[in-house]
Amino acid sequence: MKVLAIVPAYNEEGNIVSTVEDLLANAPGVDHVVINDGSSDRTEALCEEHGFNIITLPVNLGLAGGFQTGMKYACEYGYDYAIQFDADGQHSASYVWPMVEQAEISRSDIVIGSRFCAEKKPFSARMIGSTLITVMIRLTTGQTVQDPTSGMRLFDRDMIRQFAHNYDYSPEPDTIALCIRNGAKISEMQVEMRDRMSGESYLNFTKSVAYMLRVCISIMFVQWFRKKGN
């Protein structure tokens, strides 16, 4: 079985080495590809120094463009599963194979590494937004996704193909909702996530609120006009 960890990275010189080394040590047999999304720091140089598999984009395309580059790579090389794995050190590689096992047993098209399968969401502005997205997905699909904003997601071969070839399939909750509406089976597995090891997230409070509003509007209205994946 071929499994690929897609690691989108933008200016992650403080985290990228430990992130890939975590994959190498704790997810043996899982291949990786770092998508260097036009970084201006030493992300690319560090990957090359350590012999990591890397694709460097000439300009910053953002998460969607970087992730789709990884999915195109996974599709071209015939991977059975691809996992979205953050470069900031928050995801733990020890969950990769258990997520693959869950996908195999449950026949899930997508497995989400969820912080809230067995634990309640803490009270914060961001978690209120996450709860709102959960409600929007349930209203439009009938399915409950406890952690819709988790960036740790495993995709099977069919989902790899769809995300590789449909340009409006971004790695966001509204696309997860669209996949459910189109018949994809989604499951969640409890995981623990760490705090970012170095640097700062681009999502400040204002951007977080704008993100939640945009996703909710897309789930409730825009997705009904989006085409089904090929």
C-alpha atoms as a PDB file:
ATOM      1  CA  MET A   1       0.000   0.000   0.000  1.00  0.00           C
ATOM      2  CA  LYS A   2       1.366   3.403  -0.993  1.00  0.00           C
ATOM      3  CA  VAL A   3       0.716   6.348   1.325  1.00  0.00           C
ATOM      4  CA  LEU A   4       1.913   9.910   0.764  1.00  0.00           C
ATOM      5  CA  ALA A   5       2.150  12.731   3.294  1.00  0.00           C
ATOM      6  CA  ILE A   6       1.619  16.082   1.572  1.00  0.00           C
ATOM      7  CA  VAL A   7       3.330  18.845   3.563  1.00  0.00           C
ATOM      8  CA  PRO A   8       2.457  22.348   2.276  1.00  0.00           C
ATOM      9  CA  ALA A   9       5.044  24.779   3.628  1.00  0.00           C
ATOM     10  CA  TYR A  10       5.284  28.552   3.473  1.00  0.00           C
ATOM     11  CA  ASN A  11       8.147  30.130   5.420  1.00  0.00           C
ATOM     12  CA  GLU A  12       8.434  27.197   7.831  1.00  0.00           C
ATOM     13  CA  GLU A  13      12.197  27.149   8.347  1.00  0.00           C
ATOM     14  CA  GLY A  14      11.686  26.787  12.096  1.00  0.00           C
ATOM     15  CA  ASN A  15       9.472  23.710  11.789  1.00  0.00           C
ATOM     16  CA  ILE A  16      10.024  21.862   8.529  1.00  0.00           C
ATOM     17  CA  VAL A  17      12.968  19.684   9.580  1.00  0.00           C
ATOM     18  CA  SER A  18      11.321  18.393  12.771  1.00  0.00           C
ATOM     19  CA  THR A  19       8.019  17.890  10.921  1.00  0.00           C
ATOM     20  CA  VAL A  20       9.509  15.659   8.219  1.00  0.00           C
ATOM     21  CA  GLU A  21      11.748  13.877  10.725  1.00  0.00           C
ATOM     22  CA  ASP A  22       8.605  13.086  12.745  1.00  0.00           C
ATOM     23  CA  LEU A  23       7.128  11.453   9.622  1.00  0.00           C
ATOM     24  CA  LEU A  24      10.297   9.488   8.939  1.00  0.00           C
ATOM     25  CA  ALA A  25      10.524   8.240  12.535  1.00  0.00           C
ATOM     26  CA  ASN A  26       6.870   7.664  13.428  1.00  0.00           C
ATOM     27  CA  ALA A  27       5.194   6.842  10.105  1.00  0.00           C
ATOM     28  CA  PRO A  28       7.629   4.307   8.616  1.00  0.00           C
ATOM     29  CA  GLY A  29       6.839   3.404   5.031  1.00  0.00           C
ATOM     30  CA  VAL A  30       4.926   6.636   4.397  1.00  0.00           C
ATOM     31  CA  ASP A  31       6.408   8.751   1.621  1.00  0.00           C
ATOM     32  CA  HIS A  32       6.449  12.526   1.862  1.00  0.00           C
ATOM     33  CA  VAL A  33       6.530  15.517  -0.424  1.00  0.00           C
ATOM     34  CA  VAL A  34       7.102  19.032   0.858  1.00  0.00           C
ATOM     35  CA  ILE A  35       5.329  21.632  -1.266  1.00  0.00           C
ATOM     36  CA  ASN A  36       7.460  24.728  -0.798  1.00  0.00           C
ATOM     37  CA  ASP A  37       4.887  27.404  -1.572  1.00  0.00           C
ATOM     38  CA  GLY A  38       7.163  30.220  -2.721  1.00  0.00           C
ATOM     39  CA  SER A  39       8.851  30.622   0.673  1.00  0.00           C
ATOM     40  CA  SER A  40      11.206  33.552   1.129  1.00  0.00           C
ATOM     41  CA  ASP A  41      13.095  32.003   4.064  1.00  0.00           C
ATOM     42  CA  ARG A  42      15.340  28.886   4.238  1.00  0.00           C
ATOM     43  CA  THR A  43      12.547  26.305   3.923  1.00  0.00           C
ATOM     44  CA  GLU A  44      13.775  25.118   0.523  1.00  0.00           C
ATOM     45  CA  ALA A  45      17.454  25.139   1.505  1.00  0.00           C
ATOM     46  CA  LEU A  46      16.815  23.108   4.669  1.00  0.00           C
ATOM     47  CA  CYS A  47      14.796  20.510   2.750  1.00  0.00           C
ATOM     48  CA  GLU A  48      17.578  20.143   0.208  1.00  0.00           C
ATOM     49  CA  GLU A  49      20.244  19.931   2.914  1.00  0.00           C
ATOM     50  CA  HIS A  50      18.377  17.084   4.596  1.00  0.00           C
ATOM     51  CA  GLY A  51      17.515  15.261   1.373  1.00  0.00           C
ATOM     52  CA  PHE A  52      13.758  15.684   1.740  1.00  0.00           C
ATOM     53  CA  ASN A  53      11.491  15.190  -1.263  1.00  0.00           C
ATOM     54  CA  ILE A  54      10.460  18.710  -2.249  1.00  0.00           C
ATOM     55  CA  ILE A  55       8.554  20.538  -4.966  1.00  0.00           C
ATOM     56  CA  THR A  56       9.168  24.290  -5.024  1.00  0.00           C
ATOM     57  CA  LEU A  57       6.502  26.566  -6.477  1.00  0.00           C
ATOM     58  CA  PRO A  58       7.860  29.755  -8.084  1.00  0.00           C
ATOM     59  CA  VAL A  59       5.260  31.949  -6.374  1.00  0.00           C
ATOM     60  CA  ASN A  60       3.045  31.660  -3.329  1.00  0.00           C
ATOM     61  CA  LEU A  61      -0.216  29.990  -4.379  1.00  0.00           C
ATOM     62  CA  GLY A  62      -1.692  29.593  -0.906  1.00  0.00           C
ATOM     63  CA  LEU A  63      -2.838  26.407   0.800  1.00  0.00           C
ATOM     64  CA  ALA A  64      -5.261  25.382  -1.933  1.00  0.00           C
ATOM     65  CA  GLY A  65      -2.678  25.626  -4.717  1.00  0.00           C
ATOM     66  CA  GLY A  66       0.033  23.953  -2.683  1.00  0.00           C
ATOM     67  CA  PHE A  67      -2.237  21.126  -1.591  1.00  0.00           C
ATOM     68  CA  GLN A  68      -3.491  20.496  -5.121  1.00  0.00           C
ATOM     69  CA  THR A  69       0.116  20.303  -6.323  1.00  0.00           C
ATOM     70  CA  GLY A  70       0.630  17.526  -3.791  1.00  0.00           C
ATOM     71  CA  MET A  71      -2.555  15.745  -4.881  1.00  0.00           C
ATOM     72  CA  LYS A  72      -1.436  15.902  -8.521  1.00  0.00           C
ATOM     73  CA  TYR A  73       1.844  14.309  -7.447  1.00  0.00           C
ATOM     74  CA  ALA A  74      -0.034  11.599  -5.523  1.00  0.00           C
ATOM     75  CA  CYS A  75      -2.299  10.943  -8.513  1.00  0.00           C
ATOM     76  CA  GLU A  76       0.576  10.770 -10.991  1.00  0.00           C
ATOM     77  CA  TYR A  77       2.528   8.283  -8.873  1.00  0.00           C
ATOM     78  CA  GLY A  78      -0.436   6.064  -8.043  1.00  0.00           C
ATOM     79  CA  TYR A  79      -0.745   6.485  -4.290  1.00  0.00           C
ATOM     80  CA  ASP A  80      -3.557   4.659  -2.501  1.00  0.00           C
ATOM     81  CA  TYR A  81      -3.850   7.324   0.203  1.00  0.00           C
ATOM     82  CA  ALA A  82      -2.636  10.874   0.704  1.00  0.00           C
ATOM     83  CA  ILE A  83      -2.676  12.722   3.999  1.00  0.00           C
ATOM     84  CA  GLN A  84      -2.643  16.479   4.420  1.00  0.00           C
ATOM     85  CA  PHE A  85       0.056  17.101   7.036  1.00  0.00           C
ATOM     86  CA  ASP A  86       0.813  20.578   8.372  1.00  0.00           C
ATOM     87  CA  ALA A  87       4.400  21.821   8.270  1.00  0.00           C
ATOM     88  CA  ASP A  88       4.102  23.740  11.548  1.00  0.00           C
ATOM     89  CA  GLY A  89       4.537  20.725  13.834  1.00  0.00           C
ATOM     90  CA  GLN A  90       0.957  20.572  15.099  1.00  0.00           C
ATOM     91  CA  HIS A  91       0.192  17.169  13.581  1.00  0.00           C
ATOM     92  CA  SER A  92       1.634  13.945  14.951  1.00  0.00           C
ATOM     93  CA  ALA A  93       2.897  11.345  12.476  1.00  0.00           C
ATOM     94  CA  SER A  94       2.022   8.529  14.871  1.00  0.00           C
ATOM     95  CA  TYR A  95      -1.627   8.848  13.763  1.00  0.00           C
ATOM     96  CA  VAL A  96      -0.998   8.354  10.038  1.00  0.00           C
ATOM     97  CA  TRP A  97      -1.117   4.557   9.912  1.00  0.00           C
ATOM     98  CA  PRO A  98      -4.083   4.332  12.352  1.00  0.00           C
ATOM     99  CA  MET A  99      -5.984   6.710  10.061  1.00  0.00           C
ATOM    100  CA  VAL A 100      -5.147   4.498   7.075  1.00  0.00           C
ATOM    101  CA  GLU A 101      -6.364   1.471   9.044  1.00  0.00           C
ATOM    102  CA  GLN A 102      -9.625   3.241   9.874  1.00  0.00           C
ATOM    103  CA  ALA A 103     -10.115   4.132   6.208  1.00  0.00           C
ATOM    104  CA  GLU A 104      -9.605   0.486   5.235  1.00  0.00           C
ATOM    105  CA  ILE A 105     -11.912  -0.939   7.904  1.00  0.00           C
ATOM    106  CA  SER A 106     -14.697   1.642   7.555  1.00  0.00           C
ATOM    107  CA  ARG A 107     -14.249   2.047   3.777  1.00  0.00           C
ATOM    108  CA  SER A 108     -14.087   5.796   4.269  1.00  0.00           C
ATOM    109  CA  ASP A 109     -13.158   8.061   1.384  1.00  0.00           C
ATOM    110  CA  ILE A 110     -11.882  10.708   3.806  1.00  0.00           C
ATOM    111  CA  VAL A 111     -10.739  10.279   7.409  1.00  0.00           C
ATOM    112  CA  ILE A 112     -10.442  13.451   9.470  1.00  0.00           C
ATOM    113  CA  GLY A 113      -8.002  13.599  12.369  1.00  0.00           C
ATOM    114  CA  SER A 114     -10.431  15.084  14.873  1.00  0.00           C
ATOM    115  CA  ARG A 115      -9.687  16.866  18.132  1.00  0.00           C
ATOM    116  CA  PHE A 116     -13.292  16.526  19.244  1.00  0.00           C
ATOM    117  CA  CYS A 117     -14.503  12.958  18.718  1.00  0.00           C
ATOM    118  CA  ALA A 118     -14.028  12.147  22.387  1.00  0.00           C
ATOM    119  CA  GLU A 119     -13.451  15.609  23.825  1.00  0.00           C
ATOM    120  CA  LYS A 120     -15.602  18.717  24.012  1.00  0.00           C
ATOM    121  CA  LYS A 121     -14.622  21.837  22.158  1.00  0.00           C
ATOM    122  CA  PRO A 122     -13.157  24.540  24.396  1.00  0.00           C
ATOM    123  CA  PHE A 123     -14.990  27.850  24.586  1.00  0.00           C
ATOM    124  CA  SER A 124     -13.302  30.367  22.310  1.00  0.00           C
ATOM    125  CA  ALA A 125     -14.204  32.541  19.347  1.00  0.00           C
ATOM    126  CA  ARG A 126     -12.508  30.105  16.961  1.00  0.00           C
ATOM    127  CA  MET A 127     -14.331  27.091  18.427  1.00  0.00           C
ATOM    128  CA  ILE A 128     -17.656  28.917  18.237  1.00  0.00           C
ATOM    129  CA  GLY A 129     -16.934  29.346  14.540  1.00  0.00           C
ATOM    130  CA  SER A 130     -16.016  25.656  14.248  1.00  0.00           C
ATOM    131  CA  THR A 131     -19.315  24.698  15.915  1.00  0.00           C
ATOM    132  CA  LEU A 132     -21.204  26.941  13.499  1.00  0.00           C
ATOM    133  CA  ILE A 133     -19.535  25.194  10.538  1.00  0.00           C
ATOM    134  CA  THR A 134     -20.472  21.816  12.054  1.00  0.00           C
ATOM    135  CA  VAL A 135     -24.094  22.970  12.200  1.00  0.00           C
ATOM    136  CA  MET A 136     -24.007  24.248   8.607  1.00  0.00           C
ATOM    137  CA  ILE A 137     -22.624  20.922   7.353  1.00  0.00           C
ATOM    138  CA  ARG A 138     -25.276  18.983   9.271  1.00  0.00           C
ATOM    139  CA  LEU A 139     -28.059  21.186   7.885  1.00  0.00           C
ATOM    140  CA  THR A 140     -26.906  20.745   4.278  1.00  0.00           C
ATOM    141  CA  THR A 141     -25.723  17.108   4.327  1.00  0.00           C
ATOM    142  CA  GLY A 142     -27.352  15.430   7.324  1.00  0.00           C
ATOM    143  CA  GLN A 143     -23.924  14.357   8.628  1.00  0.00           C
ATOM    144  CA  THR A 144     -22.127  15.645  11.695  1.00  0.00           C
ATOM    145  CA  VAL A 145     -18.442  16.495  11.355  1.00  0.00           C
ATOM    146  CA  GLN A 146     -17.145  17.319  14.824  1.00  0.00           C
ATOM    147  CA  ASP A 147     -13.876  18.942  13.701  1.00  0.00           C
ATOM    148  CA  PRO A 148     -14.509  20.455  10.262  1.00  0.00           C
ATOM    149  CA  THR A 149     -11.514  22.810  10.421  1.00  0.00           C
ATOM    150  CA  SER A 150      -8.959  20.103  11.193  1.00  0.00           C
ATOM    151  CA  GLY A 151      -6.106  20.259   8.684  1.00  0.00           C
ATOM    152  CA  MET A 152      -5.192  16.604   9.190  1.00  0.00           C
ATOM    153  CA  ARG A 153      -7.184  14.708   6.569  1.00  0.00           C
ATOM    154  CA  LEU A 154      -6.574  11.387   4.827  1.00  0.00           C
ATOM    155  CA  PHE A 155      -7.902  10.886   1.275  1.00  0.00           C
ATOM    156  CA  ASP A 156      -8.339   7.649  -0.663  1.00  0.00           C
ATOM    157  CA  ARG A 157      -7.435   7.083  -4.306  1.00  0.00           C
ATOM    158  CA  ASP A 158     -10.733   8.394  -5.698  1.00  0.00           C
ATOM    159  CA  MET A 159     -10.555  11.544  -3.583  1.00  0.00           C
ATOM    160  CA  ILE A 160      -6.932  12.056  -4.665  1.00  0.00           C
ATOM    161  CA  ARG A 161      -8.060  12.017  -8.287  1.00  0.00           C
ATOM    162  CA  GLN A 162     -10.926  14.442  -7.643  1.00  0.00           C
ATOM    163  CA  PHE A 163      -8.828  16.923  -5.689  1.00  0.00           C
ATOM    164  CA  ALA A 164      -6.048  16.697  -8.271  1.00  0.00           C
ATOM    165  CA  HIS A 165      -8.258  17.516 -11.252  1.00  0.00           C
ATOM    166  CA  ASN A 166     -10.996  19.826  -9.917  1.00  0.00           C
ATOM    167  CA  TYR A 167      -9.608  23.304  -9.433  1.00  0.00           C
ATOM    168  CA  ASP A 168     -12.368  24.397  -7.036  1.00  0.00           C
ATOM    169  CA  TYR A 169     -11.688  21.478  -4.670  1.00  0.00           C
ATOM    170  CA  SER A 170      -9.745  23.249  -1.928  1.00  0.00           C
ATOM    171  CA  PRO A 171      -8.783  21.567   1.373  1.00  0.00           C
ATOM    172  CA  GLU A 172     -11.499  23.446   3.260  1.00  0.00           C
ATOM    173  CA  PRO A 173     -14.692  22.483   5.163  1.00  0.00           C
ATOM    174  CA  ASP A 174     -16.992  23.617   2.337  1.00  0.00           C
ATOM    175  CA  THR A 175     -15.357  21.122  -0.026  1.00  0.00           C
ATOM    176  CA  ILE A 176     -15.734  18.394   2.612  1.00  0.00           C
ATOM    177  CA  ALA A 177     -19.446  19.243   2.706  1.00  0.00           C
ATOM    178  CA  LEU A 178     -19.580  19.072  -1.095  1.00  0.00           C
ATOM    179  CA  CYS A 179     -17.889  15.661  -1.069  1.00  0.00           C
ATOM    180  CA  ILE A 180     -20.480  14.358   1.401  1.00  0.00           C
ATOM    181  CA  ARG A 181     -23.297  15.658  -0.797  1.00  0.00           C
ATOM    182  CA  ASN A 182     -21.687  13.859  -3.741  1.00  0.00           C
ATOM    183  CA  GLY A 183     -21.686  10.542  -1.882  1.00  0.00           C
ATOM    184  CA  ALA A 184     -18.269  10.423  -0.210  1.00  0.00           C
ATOM    185  CA  LYS A 185     -18.070   8.589   3.111  1.00  0.00           C
ATOM    186  CA  ILE A 186     -16.406  10.654   5.837  1.00  0.00           C
ATOM    187  CA  SER A 187     -15.257   9.405   9.229  1.00  0.00           C
ATOM    188  CA  GLU A 188     -13.313  10.958  12.077  1.00  0.00           C
ATOM    189  CA  MET A 189     -10.623   9.625  14.417  1.00  0.00           C
ATOM    190  CA  GLN A 190      -9.627  11.186  17.710  1.00  0.00           C
ATOM    191  CA  VAL A 191      -6.138  12.735  17.608  1.00  0.00           C
ATOM    192  CA  GLU A 192      -4.171  15.126  19.742  1.00  0.00           C
ATOM    193  CA  MET A 193      -2.570  18.166  18.179  1.00  0.00           C
ATOM    194  CA  ARG A 194       0.384  20.150  19.436  1.00  0.00           C
ATOM    195  CA  ASP A 195       0.875  23.888  19.550  1.00  0.00           C
ATOM    196  CA  ARG A 196       2.809  25.429  16.677  1.00  0.00           C
ATOM    197  CA  MET A 197       6.509  24.919  17.429  1.00  0.00           C
ATOM    198  CA  SER A 198       7.862  28.069  15.785  1.00  0.00           C
ATOM    199  CA  GLY A 199       6.528  31.127  14.000  1.00  0.00           C
ATOM    200  CA  GLU A 200       2.984  32.453  13.985  1.00  0.00           C
ATOM    201  CA  SER A 201      -0.191  31.355  12.260  1.00  0.00           C
ATOM    202  CA  TYR A 202      -1.449  33.649   9.513  1.00  0.00           C
ATOM    203  CA  LEU A 203      -4.940  33.390  11.048  1.00  0.00           C
ATOM    204  CA  ASN A 204      -5.330  36.222  13.548  1.00  0.00           C
ATOM    205  CA  PHE A 205      -8.700  36.973  15.167  1.00  0.00           C
ATOM    206  CA  THR A 206      -9.978  39.143  12.324  1.00  0.00           C
ATOM    207  CA  LYS A 207      -8.895  36.691   9.647  1.00  0.00           C
ATOM    208  CA  SER A 208     -10.394  33.795  11.643  1.00  0.00           C
ATOM    209  CA  VAL A 209     -13.793  35.493  11.794  1.00  0.00           C
ATOM    210  CA  ALA A 210     -13.680  36.304   8.074  1.00  0.00           C
ATOM    211  CA  TYR A 211     -12.665  32.707   7.305  1.00  0.00           C
ATOM    212  CA  MET A 212     -15.540  31.234   9.321  1.00  0.00           C
ATOM    213  CA  LEU A 213     -18.070  33.546   7.663  1.00  0.00           C
ATOM    214  CA  ARG A 214     -16.776  32.758   4.177  1.00  0.00           C
ATOM    215  CA  VAL A 215     -16.895  29.005   4.790  1.00  0.00           C
ATOM    216  CA  CYS A 216     -20.422  29.140   6.232  1.00  0.00           C
ATOM    217  CA  ILE A 217     -21.698  31.193   3.282  1.00  0.00           C
ATOM    218  CA  SER A 218     -20.070  28.742   0.875  1.00  0.00           C
ATOM    219  CA  ILE A 219     -21.595  25.712   2.618  1.00  0.00           C
ATOM    220  CA  MET A 220     -25.082  27.196   2.795  1.00  0.00           C
ATOM    221  CA  PHE A 221     -25.240  28.774  -0.656  1.00  0.00           C
ATOM    222  CA  VAL A 222     -22.251  28.499  -2.998  1.00  0.00           C
ATOM    223  CA  GLN A 223     -21.765  24.725  -2.866  1.00  0.00           C
ATOM    224  CA  TRP A 224     -25.189  24.120  -4.407  1.00  0.00           C
ATOM    225  CA  PHE A 225     -23.835  25.620  -7.652  1.00  0.00           C
ATOM    226  CA  ARG A 226     -20.523  23.791  -7.632  1.00  0.00           C
ATOM    227  CA  LYS A 227     -20.037  20.935 -10.044  1.00  0.00           C
ATOM    228  CA  LYS A 228     -19.724  17.344  -8.936  1.00  0.00           C
ATOM    229  CA  GLY A 229     -16.155  16.056  -9.110  1.00  0.00           C
ATOM    230  CA  ASN A 230     -15.080  14.021 -12.095  1.00  0.00           C
END
